[in-house]
Protein backbone atom coordinates (compact mmCIF):
# COMPACT_ATOMS: atom_id res chain seq x y z
CA MET A 1 244.27 322.65 -30.58
CA SER A 2 244.80 326.25 -29.70
CA GLN A 3 243.29 329.12 -31.66
CA PRO A 4 245.74 332.05 -31.88
CA THR A 5 244.26 335.48 -32.35
CA SER A 6 246.82 336.66 -34.90
CA ALA A 7 248.90 335.22 -37.67
CA ALA A 8 252.03 336.05 -35.72
CA ALA A 9 250.86 333.89 -32.83
CA THR A 10 251.62 330.74 -34.83
CA PRO A 11 255.26 330.72 -35.98
CA ALA A 12 255.97 329.30 -39.39
CA PRO A 13 258.26 326.30 -39.67
CA ALA A 14 261.95 327.14 -39.90
CA SER A 15 262.06 325.89 -43.49
CA GLY A 16 259.17 327.92 -44.90
CA ARG A 17 256.50 330.56 -44.39
CA LEU A 18 252.77 330.67 -43.95
CA LYS A 19 250.36 332.75 -46.04
CA GLN A 20 247.70 334.80 -44.31
CA HIS A 21 244.10 333.77 -44.94
CA HIS A 22 241.12 335.90 -44.03
CA THR A 23 238.24 333.55 -44.90
CA LEU A 24 237.54 329.90 -44.23
CA SER A 25 237.32 328.00 -47.51
CA LEU A 26 234.89 325.09 -47.81
CA GLY A 27 237.01 323.76 -50.64
CA ASN A 28 240.08 323.62 -48.40
CA LEU A 29 238.12 321.94 -45.63
CA GLY A 30 236.82 319.34 -48.11
CA ALA A 31 240.26 318.69 -49.55
CA GLY A 32 241.76 318.22 -46.12
CA THR A 33 238.91 316.01 -44.90
CA ILE A 34 238.43 313.63 -47.83
CA GLY A 35 241.84 312.05 -47.44
CA ASN A 36 241.05 311.12 -43.85
CA VAL A 37 237.73 309.61 -44.91
CA LEU A 38 239.68 307.34 -47.30
CA GLU A 39 242.54 306.59 -44.92
CA TRP A 40 240.36 305.59 -41.97
CA TYR A 41 237.88 303.79 -44.16
CA ASP A 42 240.73 301.56 -45.29
CA PHE A 43 242.43 301.33 -41.93
CA GLY A 44 239.18 300.69 -40.03
CA LEU A 45 237.91 298.15 -42.55
CA TYR A 46 240.71 295.81 -41.63
CA GLY A 47 239.64 295.99 -38.00
CA TYR A 48 235.97 295.42 -38.75
CA LEU A 49 236.73 292.38 -40.88
CA ALA A 50 239.47 291.04 -38.56
CA PRO A 51 237.65 287.77 -37.74
CA MET A 52 237.25 286.98 -41.43
CA ILE A 53 240.84 288.05 -42.21
CA GLY A 54 242.03 285.89 -39.35
CA SER A 55 240.33 282.77 -40.72
CA LEU A 56 241.54 283.40 -44.27
CA PHE A 57 245.12 284.46 -43.60
CA PHE A 58 245.90 283.07 -40.12
CA PRO A 59 243.99 279.77 -40.07
CA SER A 60 243.95 277.82 -36.81
CA THR A 61 241.76 275.32 -35.03
CA ASP A 62 241.54 277.94 -32.31
CA LYS A 63 239.45 280.90 -33.51
CA ILE A 64 240.94 283.17 -30.87
CA ALA A 65 244.43 282.41 -32.21
CA SER A 66 243.32 283.36 -35.73
CA LEU A 67 241.79 286.57 -34.40
CA LEU A 68 244.98 287.45 -32.53
CA GLY A 69 246.95 286.90 -35.77
CA ALA A 70 244.69 289.37 -37.60
CA TYR A 71 244.92 291.89 -34.77
CA GLY A 72 248.70 291.50 -34.90
CA GLY A 73 248.53 292.85 -38.44
CA PHE A 74 246.39 295.68 -37.10
CA ALA A 75 249.07 296.45 -34.48
CA ILE A 76 251.81 296.55 -37.12
CA GLY A 77 249.90 299.30 -38.88
CA PHE A 78 249.83 301.27 -35.62
CA MET A 79 253.55 300.83 -35.13
CA MET A 80 254.21 302.38 -38.54
CA ARG A 81 251.94 305.42 -38.02
CA PRO A 82 254.40 307.57 -36.01
CA ILE A 83 257.14 306.66 -38.47
CA GLY A 84 254.91 307.77 -41.30
CA GLY A 85 254.18 310.99 -39.47
CA VAL A 86 257.87 311.75 -39.04
CA ILE A 87 258.78 310.92 -42.64
CA PHE A 88 255.88 312.69 -44.30
CA GLY A 89 256.07 315.61 -41.87
CA HIS A 90 259.68 316.12 -42.88
CA LEU A 91 258.80 315.91 -46.57
CA GLY A 92 255.86 318.27 -46.14
CA ASP A 93 258.05 320.91 -44.59
CA ARG A 94 260.73 320.51 -47.26
CA VAL A 95 258.81 320.07 -50.51
CA GLY A 96 255.30 321.30 -49.66
CA ARG A 97 252.02 319.92 -48.38
CA GLN A 98 250.49 318.95 -51.73
CA THR A 99 253.13 316.32 -52.43
CA VAL A 100 252.43 314.64 -49.11
CA LEU A 101 248.62 314.95 -49.40
CA VAL A 102 248.66 313.30 -52.85
CA THR A 103 251.25 310.65 -51.99
CA SER A 104 249.44 309.48 -48.84
CA VAL A 105 246.10 308.83 -50.54
CA VAL A 106 247.76 307.09 -53.51
CA MET A 107 249.77 304.86 -51.18
CA MET A 108 246.72 303.94 -49.12
CA GLY A 109 244.56 303.36 -52.19
CA LEU A 110 247.14 300.99 -53.71
CA ALA A 111 247.66 299.17 -50.41
CA THR A 112 243.96 298.69 -49.74
CA THR A 113 243.31 297.49 -53.29
CA ALA A 114 246.20 295.05 -52.81
CA VAL A 115 244.50 293.59 -49.70
CA GLY A 116 241.44 292.95 -51.79
CA LEU A 117 243.50 291.07 -54.37
CA LEU A 118 245.78 289.04 -52.08
CA PRO A 119 245.62 285.25 -52.26
CA THR A 120 244.63 283.54 -49.03
CA TYR A 121 246.48 281.01 -46.91
CA GLN A 122 244.63 278.19 -48.62
CA GLN A 123 245.97 279.35 -51.96
CA ILE A 124 249.65 280.13 -51.27
CA GLY A 125 250.22 279.04 -47.68
CA PHE A 126 252.72 280.88 -45.50
CA TRP A 127 253.24 283.72 -47.95
CA ALA A 128 249.66 284.92 -47.60
CA PRO A 129 250.06 286.37 -44.08
CA VAL A 130 253.54 287.63 -44.96
CA LEU A 131 252.22 289.62 -47.92
CA LEU A 132 249.32 290.89 -45.81
CA LEU A 133 251.67 292.20 -43.12
CA VAL A 134 253.83 293.90 -45.72
CA VAL A 135 250.78 295.70 -47.10
CA ARG A 136 249.83 296.70 -43.53
CA LEU A 137 253.25 298.35 -43.16
CA PHE A 138 252.48 300.63 -46.07
CA GLN A 139 248.95 301.32 -44.82
CA GLY A 140 250.36 302.38 -41.45
CA LEU A 141 252.92 304.69 -43.09
CA SER A 142 250.20 306.20 -45.21
CA VAL A 143 247.83 306.88 -42.33
CA GLY A 144 250.60 308.53 -40.30
CA GLY A 145 251.52 310.75 -43.20
CA GLU A 146 247.92 311.57 -44.04
CA PHE A 147 246.96 312.84 -40.62
CA THR A 148 250.16 314.87 -40.26
CA GLY A 149 249.75 316.45 -43.70
CA SER A 150 246.02 317.06 -43.57
CA VAL A 151 246.02 318.69 -40.14
CA SER A 152 248.87 320.94 -41.21
CA TYR A 153 247.05 321.83 -44.45
CA LEU A 154 243.74 322.51 -42.68
CA VAL A 155 245.35 324.72 -40.07
CA GLU A 156 247.59 326.59 -42.48
CA THR A 157 244.80 327.45 -44.94
CA ALA A 158 242.46 328.78 -42.23
CA PRO A 159 242.25 332.30 -40.78
CA ALA A 160 244.30 332.71 -37.61
CA ASN A 161 241.27 332.70 -35.33
CA ARG A 162 239.70 329.62 -36.92
CA ARG A 163 242.63 327.22 -37.00
CA GLY A 164 241.40 325.01 -34.17
CA PHE A 165 238.01 324.66 -35.88
CA ALA A 166 239.58 323.88 -39.24
CA GLY A 167 242.01 321.35 -37.81
CA SER A 168 239.14 319.45 -36.17
CA PHE A 169 237.86 318.44 -39.61
CA ALA A 170 240.66 315.86 -39.79
CA ASN A 171 238.99 313.95 -36.93
CA PHE A 172 235.60 314.56 -38.52
CA GLY A 173 236.91 312.86 -41.66
CA SER A 174 238.49 309.96 -39.82
CA THR A 175 235.32 309.18 -37.89
CA GLY A 176 233.28 309.46 -41.09
CA GLY A 177 235.68 306.93 -42.67
CA TYR A 178 235.14 304.47 -39.84
CA LEU A 179 231.37 304.78 -40.15
CA LEU A 180 231.55 304.34 -43.91
CA ALA A 181 233.67 301.21 -43.46
CA ALA A 182 231.28 299.79 -40.91
CA GLY A 183 228.35 300.45 -43.22
CA PHE A 184 230.01 298.84 -46.22
CA ALA A 185 231.13 295.81 -44.18
CA ALA A 186 227.61 295.45 -42.70
CA LEU A 187 225.97 295.52 -46.12
CA THR A 188 228.46 293.01 -47.47
CA THR A 189 227.90 290.52 -44.67
CA LEU A 190 224.13 291.08 -44.75
CA PHE A 191 223.44 290.60 -48.45
CA ALA A 192 226.25 288.29 -49.63
CA GLY A 193 225.67 285.53 -47.16
CA HIS A 194 228.28 283.76 -45.04
CA GLY A 195 229.52 281.43 -47.75
CA ALA A 196 229.97 284.16 -50.36
CA VAL A 197 231.64 286.49 -47.84
CA GLN A 198 234.18 283.85 -46.94
CA GLY A 199 234.76 283.02 -50.59
CA TRP A 200 234.97 286.31 -52.46
CA ALA A 201 232.68 289.07 -51.15
CA TRP A 202 235.06 290.07 -48.35
CA ARG A 203 237.23 291.56 -51.08
CA LEU A 204 234.59 294.04 -52.28
CA PRO A 205 234.91 296.61 -49.45
CA PHE A 206 238.68 296.73 -49.93
CA LEU A 207 238.40 297.17 -53.69
CA ALA A 208 235.90 299.98 -53.05
CA GLY A 209 238.70 301.72 -51.18
CA GLY A 210 240.53 302.01 -54.48
CA VAL A 211 237.57 303.90 -55.93
CA LEU A 212 237.63 306.30 -52.97
CA ALA A 213 241.36 306.77 -53.54
CA VAL A 214 240.78 307.89 -57.11
CA LEU A 215 238.23 310.47 -55.91
CA ALA A 216 240.62 311.71 -53.20
CA TYR A 217 243.44 311.95 -55.76
CA LEU A 218 241.34 313.98 -58.18
CA VAL A 219 240.45 316.46 -55.43
CA ARG A 220 243.94 316.86 -54.06
CA SER A 221 245.82 316.96 -57.33
CA ARG A 222 243.95 320.19 -58.11
CA LEU A 223 244.99 322.04 -54.95
CA SER A 224 246.09 325.54 -55.87
CA ASP A 225 246.78 326.96 -52.41
CA THR A 226 248.30 324.89 -49.69
CA GLY A 227 248.81 327.85 -47.30
CA TYR A 228 252.47 327.02 -46.84
CA GLU A 229 255.49 327.82 -48.96
CA PRO A 230 258.67 325.82 -48.29
CA ASP A 231 261.83 327.84 -48.38
CA GLN A 232 264.00 326.21 -50.98
CA ALA A 233 267.05 328.13 -49.75
CA ALA A 234 266.66 326.95 -46.17
CA THR A 235 269.84 325.52 -44.67
CA ASP A 236 268.33 324.25 -41.44
CA GLY A 237 268.64 320.47 -41.72
CA GLU A 238 267.14 319.61 -38.36
CA LEU A 239 264.25 317.19 -38.55
CA PRO A 240 260.83 318.76 -37.75
CA ILE A 241 260.25 316.15 -35.04
CA ARG A 242 263.45 317.19 -33.29
CA GLN A 243 262.52 320.85 -33.61
CA ALA A 244 259.16 320.14 -32.02
CA PHE A 245 260.58 318.30 -29.00
CA ARG A 246 263.38 320.87 -28.59
CA ARG A 247 261.07 323.89 -28.74
CA SER A 248 258.00 322.55 -26.96
CA PRO A 249 258.73 319.26 -25.15
CA LYS A 250 255.88 319.61 -22.62
CA VAL A 251 253.29 320.32 -25.29
CA MET A 252 254.48 317.38 -27.37
CA VAL A 253 254.27 314.93 -24.45
CA LEU A 254 250.78 316.19 -23.49
CA ALA A 255 249.60 315.92 -27.11
CA MET A 256 250.83 312.31 -27.22
CA LEU A 257 249.09 311.42 -23.96
CA PHE A 258 245.88 313.04 -25.20
CA THR A 259 245.86 311.18 -28.49
CA TRP A 260 246.68 307.87 -26.79
CA GLY A 261 243.72 308.34 -24.46
CA TYR A 262 241.07 309.02 -27.06
CA GLY A 263 242.67 306.56 -29.45
CA VAL A 264 242.15 303.69 -27.02
CA ALA A 265 238.53 304.70 -26.40
CA ASP A 266 237.98 305.17 -30.14
CA TYR A 267 239.25 301.77 -31.25
CA LEU A 268 237.61 299.87 -28.39
CA THR A 269 234.25 301.36 -29.37
CA LEU A 270 234.47 301.48 -33.17
CA VAL A 271 236.59 298.43 -33.97
CA PHE A 272 236.75 295.90 -31.13
CA LEU A 273 233.14 296.01 -29.83
CA PRO A 274 231.55 294.88 -33.15
CA THR A 275 233.89 291.91 -33.21
CA PHE A 276 233.28 291.13 -29.56
CA GLY A 277 229.50 291.37 -30.06
CA ALA A 278 229.58 289.04 -33.04
CA LYS A 279 231.95 286.45 -31.60
CA PHE A 280 230.96 286.43 -27.92
CA GLY A 281 227.57 288.21 -27.81
CA ALA A 282 225.61 285.76 -29.96
CA ILE A 283 224.54 288.38 -32.53
CA SER A 284 225.14 288.41 -36.26
CA ASP A 285 228.12 290.11 -37.89
CA SER A 286 225.91 292.49 -39.86
CA LEU A 287 223.91 293.50 -36.77
CA ALA A 288 227.09 294.05 -34.75
CA LEU A 289 228.50 296.26 -37.47
């Protein structure tokens, strides 16, 4: 992310205006970061527990088939992320950042709690994976909206020459969320025992995501300065995503390629390798996590 040397170097969206900030606020950094901790805790937790989710919601005599079913649910969440970014990005520009920042954490908190309460295939049959995939749709929308809104908020509440630094805290939060999810999943598998984890303990990390959501909501509902003021009188009805590709198509394509690249490396390392190590490397789930 570039770091302009003056406020004028970063144009405000066509539907609003940016405030000028002269100091970097730790409170703003925390508010922008905490949502990503929650979102990626919840999103990553599904990946870490994919083998267990596969056996509970996509049962099969072939364990690889069950795992592929669980990863299919993971993929659906990814498919919804750009859609969430477009929808929440549009809303953020039209009604303000706080609405998006609060809505995204509430949506993710509810969805993750729902995963922890869902009946399994053994209990309701075919409807168990269907309900799980529906919840994953909402999780994907939420993550897409969260990252869009939080990066915008972090950049817009920072001084002009610190915007790149401030925006990086979104990735700091997402990585922290992954590590927190891995730690919680590891502790659960280590202390609950295999039988208890398969029976009920797998739900605990997901229910804990609801507690994180409450904390994130309390922080974000108290935001007093979002750095951006939507222009209620704006008549420009063009979607922000269309504005971005029309004004800076090369930058948009390069940004997409960049995020795809580190996204693949990120998920291979943080999500797939623990599963691979546990299933094909002859080590325990807790040690792999």
